[in-house]
PDB file of N, CA and C in Angstrom:
ATOM      1  N   ILE A   1       0.832  -1.185   0.000  1.00  0.00           N
ATOM      2  CA  ILE A   1       0.000   0.000   0.000  1.00  0.00           C
ATOM      3  C   ILE A   1       0.871   1.241   0.000  1.00  0.00           C
ATOM      4  N   SER A   2       1.926   1.212   0.805  1.00  0.00           N
ATOM      5  CA  SER A   2       2.760   2.414   0.909  1.00  0.00           C
ATOM      6  C   SER A   2       3.501   2.697  -0.395  1.00  0.00           C
ATOM      7  N   LEU A   3       3.935   1.653  -1.088  1.00  0.00           N
ATOM      8  CA  LEU A   3       4.620   1.882  -2.367  1.00  0.00           C
ATOM      9  C   LEU A   3       3.665   2.419  -3.424  1.00  0.00           C
ATOM     10  N   THR A   4       2.426   1.961  -3.404  1.00  0.00           N
ATOM     11  CA  THR A   4       1.437   2.495  -4.342  1.00  0.00           C
ATOM     12  C   THR A   4       1.171   3.957  -4.053  1.00  0.00           C
ATOM     13  N   LEU A   5       1.068   4.313  -2.775  1.00  0.00           N
ATOM     14  CA  LEU A   5       0.842   5.708  -2.424  1.00  0.00           C
ATOM     15  C   LEU A   5       2.039   6.575  -2.797  1.00  0.00           C
ATOM     16  N   LEU A   6       3.244   6.011  -2.720  1.00  0.00           N
ATOM     17  CA  LEU A   6       4.427   6.782  -3.092  1.00  0.00           C
ATOM     18  C   LEU A   6       4.499   7.027  -4.596  1.00  0.00           C
ATOM     19  N   ASN A   7       4.009   6.080  -5.382  1.00  0.00           N
ATOM     20  CA  ASN A   7       4.155   6.187  -6.837  1.00  0.00           C
ATOM     21  C   ASN A   7       3.040   6.974  -7.511  1.00  0.00           C
ATOM     22  N   PHE A   8       1.856   6.932  -6.961  1.00  0.00           N
ATOM     23  CA  PHE A   8       0.715   7.580  -7.616  1.00  0.00           C
ATOM     24  C   PHE A   8       0.077   8.577  -6.673  1.00  0.00           C
ATOM     25  N   GLY A   9      -0.535   9.603  -7.236  1.00  0.00           N
ATOM     26  CA  GLY A   9      -1.291  10.535  -6.425  1.00  0.00           C
ATOM     27  C   GLY A   9      -0.609  11.873  -6.254  1.00  0.00           C
ATOM     28  N   ASN A  10      -1.187  12.635  -5.376  1.00  0.00           N
ATOM     29  CA  ASN A  10      -0.703  13.994  -5.139  1.00  0.00           C
ATOM     30  C   ASN A  10       0.299  14.017  -3.983  1.00  0.00           C
ATOM     31  N   TYR A  11       0.596  15.201  -3.524  1.00  0.00           N
ATOM     32  CA  TYR A  11       1.604  15.380  -2.470  1.00  0.00           C
ATOM     33  C   TYR A  11       1.208  14.672  -1.173  1.00  0.00           C
ATOM     34  N   MET A  12      -0.062  14.784  -0.782  1.00  0.00           N
ATOM     35  CA  MET A  12      -0.498  14.208   0.493  1.00  0.00           C
ATOM     36  C   MET A  12      -0.420  12.689   0.472  1.00  0.00           C
ATOM     37  N   THR A  13      -0.749  12.059  -0.644  1.00  0.00           N
ATOM     38  CA  THR A  13      -0.654  10.596  -0.706  1.00  0.00           C
ATOM     39  C   THR A  13       0.805  10.144  -0.670  1.00  0.00           C
ATOM     40  N   ARG A  14       1.692  10.935  -1.223  1.00  0.00           N
ATOM     41  CA  ARG A  14       3.116  10.591  -1.144  1.00  0.00           C
ATOM     42  C   ARG A  14       3.641  10.713   0.287  1.00  0.00           C
ATOM     43  N   VAL A  15       3.178  11.713   1.003  1.00  0.00           N
ATOM     44  CA  VAL A  15       3.561  11.851   2.409  1.00  0.00           C
ATOM     45  C   VAL A  15       3.019  10.667   3.205  1.00  0.00           C
ATOM     46  N   SER A  16       1.769  10.287   2.945  1.00  0.00           N
ATOM     47  CA  SER A  16       1.183   9.133   3.628  1.00  0.00           C
ATOM     48  C   SER A  16       1.957   7.863   3.316  1.00  0.00           C
ATOM     49  N   GLY A  17       2.354   7.692   2.074  1.00  0.00           N
ATOM     50  CA  GLY A  17       3.144   6.525   1.693  1.00  0.00           C
ATOM     51  C   GLY A  17       4.489   6.490   2.398  1.00  0.00           C
ATOM     52  N   ALA A  18       5.120   7.646   2.519  1.00  0.00           N
ATOM     53  CA  ALA A  18       6.403   7.709   3.219  1.00  0.00           C
ATOM     54  C   ALA A  18       6.233   7.397   4.705  1.00  0.00           C
ATOM     55  N   VAL A  19       5.178   7.914   5.320  1.00  0.00           N
ATOM     56  CA  VAL A  19       4.916   7.641   6.728  1.00  0.00           C
ATOM     57  C   VAL A  19       4.651   6.157   6.943  1.00  0.00           C
ATOM     58  N   LEU A  20       3.848   5.547   6.065  1.00  0.00           N
ATOM     59  CA  LEU A  20       3.577   4.116   6.174  1.00  0.00           C
ATOM     60  C   LEU A  20       4.844   3.290   5.987  1.00  0.00           C
ATOM     61  N   THR A  21       5.716   3.710   5.094  1.00  0.00           N
ATOM     62  CA  THR A  21       6.973   2.996   4.886  1.00  0.00           C
ATOM     63  C   THR A  21       7.844   3.057   6.137  1.00  0.00           C
ATOM     64  N   VAL A  22       7.940   4.216   6.754  1.00  0.00           N
ATOM     65  CA  VAL A  22       8.739   4.375   7.969  1.00  0.00           C
ATOM     66  C   VAL A  22       8.147   3.538   9.101  1.00  0.00           C
ATOM     67  N   ILE A  23       6.824   3.564   9.253  1.00  0.00           N
ATOM     68  CA  ILE A  23       6.179   2.767  10.296  1.00  0.00           C
ATOM     69  C   ILE A  23       6.441   1.286  10.074  1.00  0.00           C
ATOM     70  N   THR A  24       6.380   0.841   8.826  1.00  0.00           N
ATOM     71  CA  THR A  24       6.633  -0.561   8.517  1.00  0.00           C
ATOM     72  C   THR A  24       8.062  -0.953   8.849  1.00  0.00           C
ATOM     73  N   LEU A  25       9.017  -0.118   8.495  1.00  0.00           N
ATOM     74  CA  LEU A  25      10.410  -0.419   8.804  1.00  0.00           C
ATOM     75  C   LEU A  25      10.661  -0.448  10.312  1.00  0.00           C
ATOM     76  N   LEU A  26      10.062   0.474  11.049  1.00  0.00           N
ATOM     77  CA  LEU A  26      10.211   0.477  12.504  1.00  0.00           C
ATOM     78  C   LEU A  26       9.563  -0.756  13.133  1.00  0.00           C
ATOM     79  N   ALA A  27       8.413  -1.179  12.594  1.00  0.00           N
ATOM     80  CA  ALA A  27       7.759  -2.381  13.111  1.00  0.00           C
ATOM     81  C   ALA A  27       8.612  -3.614  12.861  1.00  0.00           C
ATOM     82  N   MET A  28       9.272  -3.672  11.713  1.00  0.00           N
ATOM     83  CA  MET A  28      10.144  -4.810  11.416  1.00  0.00           C
ATOM     84  C   MET A  28      11.340  -4.836  12.360  1.00  0.00           C
ATOM     85  N   LEU A  29      11.939  -3.683  12.633  1.00  0.00           N
ATOM     86  CA  LEU A  29      13.064  -3.630  13.563  1.00  0.00           C
ATOM     87  C   LEU A  29      12.632  -3.969  14.990  1.00  0.00           C
ATOM     88  N   TYR A  30      11.447  -3.526  15.371  1.00  0.00           N
ATOM     89  CA  TYR A  30      10.917  -3.843  16.695  1.00  0.00           C
ATOM     90  C   TYR A  30      10.687  -5.349  16.828  1.00  0.00           C
ATOM     91  N   ALA A  31      10.117  -5.965  15.792  1.00  0.00           N
ATOM     92  CA  ALA A  31       9.874  -7.409  15.822  1.00  0.00           C
ATOM     93  C   ALA A  31      11.191  -8.178  15.917  1.00  0.00           C
ATOM     94  N   LEU A  32      12.203  -7.724  15.212  1.00  0.00           N
ATOM     95  CA  LEU A  32      13.510  -8.373  15.296  1.00  0.00           C
ATOM     96  C   LEU A  32      14.093  -8.254  16.704  1.00  0.00           C
ATOM     97  N   GLY A  33      13.970  -7.087  17.308  1.00  0.00           N
ATOM     98  CA  GLY A  33      14.454  -6.891  18.676  1.00  0.00           C
ATOM     99  C   GLY A  33      13.715  -7.761  19.675  1.00  0.00           C
ATOM    100  N   ILE A  34      12.389  -7.834  19.556  1.00  0.00           N
ATOM    101  CA  ILE A  34      11.597  -8.681  20.452  1.00  0.00           C
ATOM    102  C   ILE A  34      11.964 -10.148  20.254  1.00  0.00           C
ATOM    103  N   PHE A  35      12.199 -10.552  19.014  1.00  0.00           N
ATOM    104  CA  PHE A  35      12.615 -11.923  18.743  1.00  0.00           C
ATOM    105  C   PHE A  35      13.906 -12.257  19.477  1.00  0.00           C
ATOM    106  N   HIS A  36      14.889 -11.374  19.415  1.00  0.00           N
ATOM    107  CA  HIS A  36      16.168 -11.639  20.070  1.00  0.00           C
ATOM    108  C   HIS A  36      16.046 -11.605  21.592  1.00  0.00           C
ATOM    109  N   ILE A  37      15.222 -10.724  22.120  1.00  0.00           N
ATOM    110  CA  ILE A  37      15.005 -10.687  23.567  1.00  0.00           C
ATOM    111  C   ILE A  37      14.339 -11.969  24.038  1.00  0.00           C
ATOM    112  N   ARG A  38      13.321 -12.419  23.302  1.00  0.00           N
ATOM    113  CA  ARG A  38      12.645 -13.656  23.693  1.00  0.00           C
ATOM    114  C   ARG A  38      13.560 -14.861  23.540  1.00  0.00           C
ATOM    115  N   LEU A  39      14.388 -14.859  22.516  1.00  0.00           N
ATOM    116  CA  LEU A  39      15.333 -15.955  22.325  1.00  0.00           C
ATOM    117  C   LEU A  39      16.309 -16.026  23.493  1.00  0.00           C
ATOM    118  N   SER A  40      16.822 -14.891  23.912  1.00  0.00           N
ATOM    119  CA  SER A  40      17.748 -14.901  25.050  1.00  0.00           C
ATOM    120  C   SER A  40      17.040 -15.312  26.339  1.00  0.00           C
ATOM    121  N   ASN A  41      15.758 -14.952  26.478  1.00  0.00           N
ATOM    122  CA  ASN A  41      14.998 -15.383  27.656  1.00  0.00           C
ATOM    123  C   ASN A  41      14.756 -16.889  27.643  1.00  0.00           C
ATOM    124  N   ILE A  42      14.492 -17.454  26.478  1.00  0.00           N
ATOM    125  CA  ILE A  42      14.264 -18.893  26.372  1.00  0.00           C
ATOM    126  C   ILE A  42      15.548 -19.646  26.677  1.00  0.00           C
ATOM    127  N   LEU A  43      16.664 -19.140  26.188  1.00  0.00           N
ATOM    128  CA  LEU A  43      17.936 -19.832  26.381  1.00  0.00           C
ATOM    129  C   LEU A  43      18.525 -19.640  27.773  1.00  0.00           C
ATOM    130  N   SER A  44      18.013 -18.692  28.528  1.00  0.00           N
ATOM    131  CA  SER A  44      18.530 -18.501  29.890  1.00  0.00           C
ATOM    132  C   SER A  44      18.015 -19.621  30.793  1.00  0.00           C
ATOM    133  N   THR A  45      18.695 -19.818  31.874  1.00  0.00           N
ATOM    134  CA  THR A  45      18.346 -20.916  32.779  1.00  0.00           C
ATOM    135  C   THR A  45      17.353 -20.500  33.855  1.00  0.00           C
ATOM    136  N   LYS A  46      16.931 -19.255  33.865  1.00  0.00           N
ATOM    137  CA  LYS A  46      15.989 -18.784  34.876  1.00  0.00           C
ATOM    138  C   LYS A  46      14.569 -19.260  34.533  1.00  0.00           C
ATOM    139  N   PRO A  47      13.868 -19.843  35.486  1.00  0.00           N
ATOM    140  CA  PRO A  47      12.489 -20.284  35.208  1.00  0.00           C
ATOM    141  C   PRO A  47      11.499 -19.117  35.317  1.00  0.00           C
ATOM    142  N   ASN A  48      10.300 -19.348  34.818  1.00  0.00           N
ATOM    143  CA  ASN A  48       9.180 -18.401  34.926  1.00  0.00           C
ATOM    144  C   ASN A  48       9.470 -17.058  34.261  1.00  0.00           C
ATOM    145  N   ARG A  49       9.952 -17.086  33.053  1.00  0.00           N
ATOM    146  CA  ARG A  49      10.184 -15.855  32.306  1.00  0.00           C
ATOM    147  C   ARG A  49       8.903 -15.456  31.584  1.00  0.00           C
ATOM    148  N   GLN A  50       8.633 -14.170  31.517  1.00  0.00           N
ATOM    149  CA  GLN A  50       7.448 -13.673  30.827  1.00  0.00           C
ATOM    150  C   GLN A  50       7.789 -13.356  29.375  1.00  0.00           C
ATOM    151  N   PHE A  51       6.901 -13.740  28.478  1.00  0.00           N
ATOM    152  CA  PHE A  51       7.124 -13.496  27.056  1.00  0.00           C
ATOM    153  C   PHE A  51       6.039 -12.619  26.446  1.00  0.00           C
ATOM    154  N   HIS A  52       5.191 -12.051  27.255  1.00  0.00           N
ATOM    155  CA  HIS A  52       4.092 -11.245  26.740  1.00  0.00           C
ATOM    156  C   HIS A  52       4.580  -9.848  26.375  1.00  0.00           C
ATOM    157  N   ASP A  53       4.057  -9.340  25.268  1.00  0.00           N
ATOM    158  CA  ASP A  53       4.366  -7.989  24.831  1.00  0.00           C
ATOM    159  C   ASP A  53       3.105  -7.154  24.990  1.00  0.00           C
ATOM    160  N   ARG A  54       3.069  -6.306  25.984  1.00  0.00           N
ATOM    161  CA  ARG A  54       1.854  -5.551  26.290  1.00  0.00           C
ATOM    162  C   ARG A  54       1.808  -4.192  25.606  1.00  0.00           C
ATOM    163  N   ILE A  55       2.932  -3.675  25.194  1.00  0.00           N
ATOM    164  CA  ILE A  55       2.981  -2.316  24.653  1.00  0.00           C
ATOM    165  C   ILE A  55       3.043  -2.308  23.127  1.00  0.00           C
ATOM    166  N   GLY A  56       3.824  -3.192  22.543  1.00  0.00           N
ATOM    167  CA  GLY A  56       4.104  -3.167  21.117  1.00  0.00           C
ATOM    168  C   GLY A  56       2.896  -3.202  20.202  1.00  0.00           C
ATOM    169  N   PRO A  57       1.962  -4.147  20.350  1.00  0.00           N
ATOM    170  CA  PRO A  57       0.807  -4.181  19.449  1.00  0.00           C
ATOM    171  C   PRO A  57      -0.066  -2.935  19.539  1.00  0.00           C
ATOM    172  N   THR A  58      -0.209  -2.398  20.739  1.00  0.00           N
ATOM    173  CA  THR A  58      -1.016  -1.186  20.908  1.00  0.00           C
ATOM    174  C   THR A  58      -0.369   0.002  20.213  1.00  0.00           C
ATOM    175  N   VAL A  59       0.922   0.158  20.380  1.00  0.00           N
ATOM    176  CA  VAL A  59       1.640   1.265  19.742  1.00  0.00           C
ATOM    177  C   VAL A  59       1.595   1.130  18.223  1.00  0.00           C
ATOM    178  N   LEU A  60       1.770  -0.085  17.723  1.00  0.00           N
ATOM    179  CA  LEU A  60       1.707  -0.311  16.282  1.00  0.00           C
ATOM    180  C   LEU A  60       0.333   0.053  15.733  1.00  0.00           C
ATOM    181  N   CYS A  61      -0.729  -0.339  16.406  1.00  0.00           N
ATOM    182  CA  CYS A  61      -2.080  -0.009  15.948  1.00  0.00           C
ATOM    183  C   CYS A  61      -2.332   1.495  15.956  1.00  0.00           C
ATOM    184  N   VAL A  62      -1.847   2.177  16.981  1.00  0.00           N
ATOM    185  CA  VAL A  62      -2.031   3.634  17.050  1.00  0.00           C
ATOM    186  C   VAL A  62      -1.297   4.320  15.902  1.00  0.00           C
ATOM    187  N   PHE A  63      -0.059   3.906  15.638  1.00  0.00           N
ATOM    188  CA  PHE A  63       0.698   4.509  14.541  1.00  0.00           C
ATOM    189  C   PHE A  63       0.056   4.225  13.181  1.00  0.00           C
ATOM    190  N   LEU A  64      -0.400   2.998  12.971  1.00  0.00           N
ATOM    191  CA  LEU A  64      -1.052   2.676  11.699  1.00  0.00           C
ATOM    192  C   LEU A  64      -2.362   3.433  11.534  1.00  0.00           C
ATOM    193  N   PHE A  65      -3.140   3.554  12.611  1.00  0.00           N
ATOM    194  CA  PHE A  65      -4.365   4.336  12.537  1.00  0.00           C
ATOM    195  C   PHE A  65      -4.059   5.793  12.202  1.00  0.00           C
ATOM    196  N   GLY A  66      -3.023   6.352  12.816  1.00  0.00           N
ATOM    197  CA  GLY A  66      -2.625   7.720  12.514  1.00  0.00           C
ATOM    198  C   GLY A  66      -2.183   7.894  11.070  1.00  0.00           C
ATOM    199  N   ALA A  67      -1.450   6.914  10.546  1.00  0.00           N
ATOM    200  CA  ALA A  67      -0.990   6.994   9.163  1.00  0.00           C
ATOM    201  C   ALA A  67      -2.154   6.902   8.188  1.00  0.00           C
ATOM    202  N   TYR A  68      -3.103   6.022   8.459  1.00  0.00           N
ATOM    203  CA  TYR A  68      -4.258   5.914   7.566  1.00  0.00           C
ATOM    204  C   TYR A  68      -5.176   7.127   7.692  1.00  0.00           C
ATOM    205  N   PHE A  69      -5.266   7.688   8.885  1.00  0.00           N
ATOM    206  CA  PHE A  69      -6.028   8.924   9.054  1.00  0.00           C
ATOM    207  C   PHE A  69      -5.380  10.045   8.250  1.00  0.00           C
ATOM    208  N   LEU A  70      -4.057  10.101   8.261  1.00  0.00           N
ATOM    209  CA  LEU A  70      -3.331  11.094   7.472  1.00  0.00           C
ATOM    210  C   LEU A  70      -3.618  10.915   5.984  1.00  0.00           C
ATOM    211  N   ASN A  71      -3.755   9.676   5.551  1.00  0.00           N
ATOM    212  CA  ASN A  71      -4.027   9.396   4.146  1.00  0.00           C
ATOM    213  C   ASN A  71      -5.414   9.917   3.746  1.00  0.00           C
ATOM    214  N   PHE A  72      -6.403   9.783   4.605  1.00  0.00           N
ATOM    215  CA  PHE A  72      -7.761  10.210   4.259  1.00  0.00           C
ATOM    216  C   PHE A  72      -8.044  11.652   4.630  1.00  0.00           C
ATOM    217  N   TYR A  73      -7.107  12.309   5.321  1.00  0.00           N
ATOM    218  CA  TYR A  73      -7.270  13.705   5.689  1.00  0.00           C
ATOM    219  C   TYR A  73      -6.964  14.545   4.508  1.00  0.00           C
TER     220      TYR A  73
END
């Protein structure tokens, strides 16, 4: 979606496409970081480690909602 917005449309759709691209790249880096943190927790010898992510999905949804709102604004 972001590449289509970057290639076609007016100035505002290009800005929306760029924002969506940045959000996507940040989400990918966040997922990679969480993967490595969970991997190190699994490999550690300490029992009862928590693997729940309480903040990440909420923040991702808020950013995506903001980006799509920007697209329709």
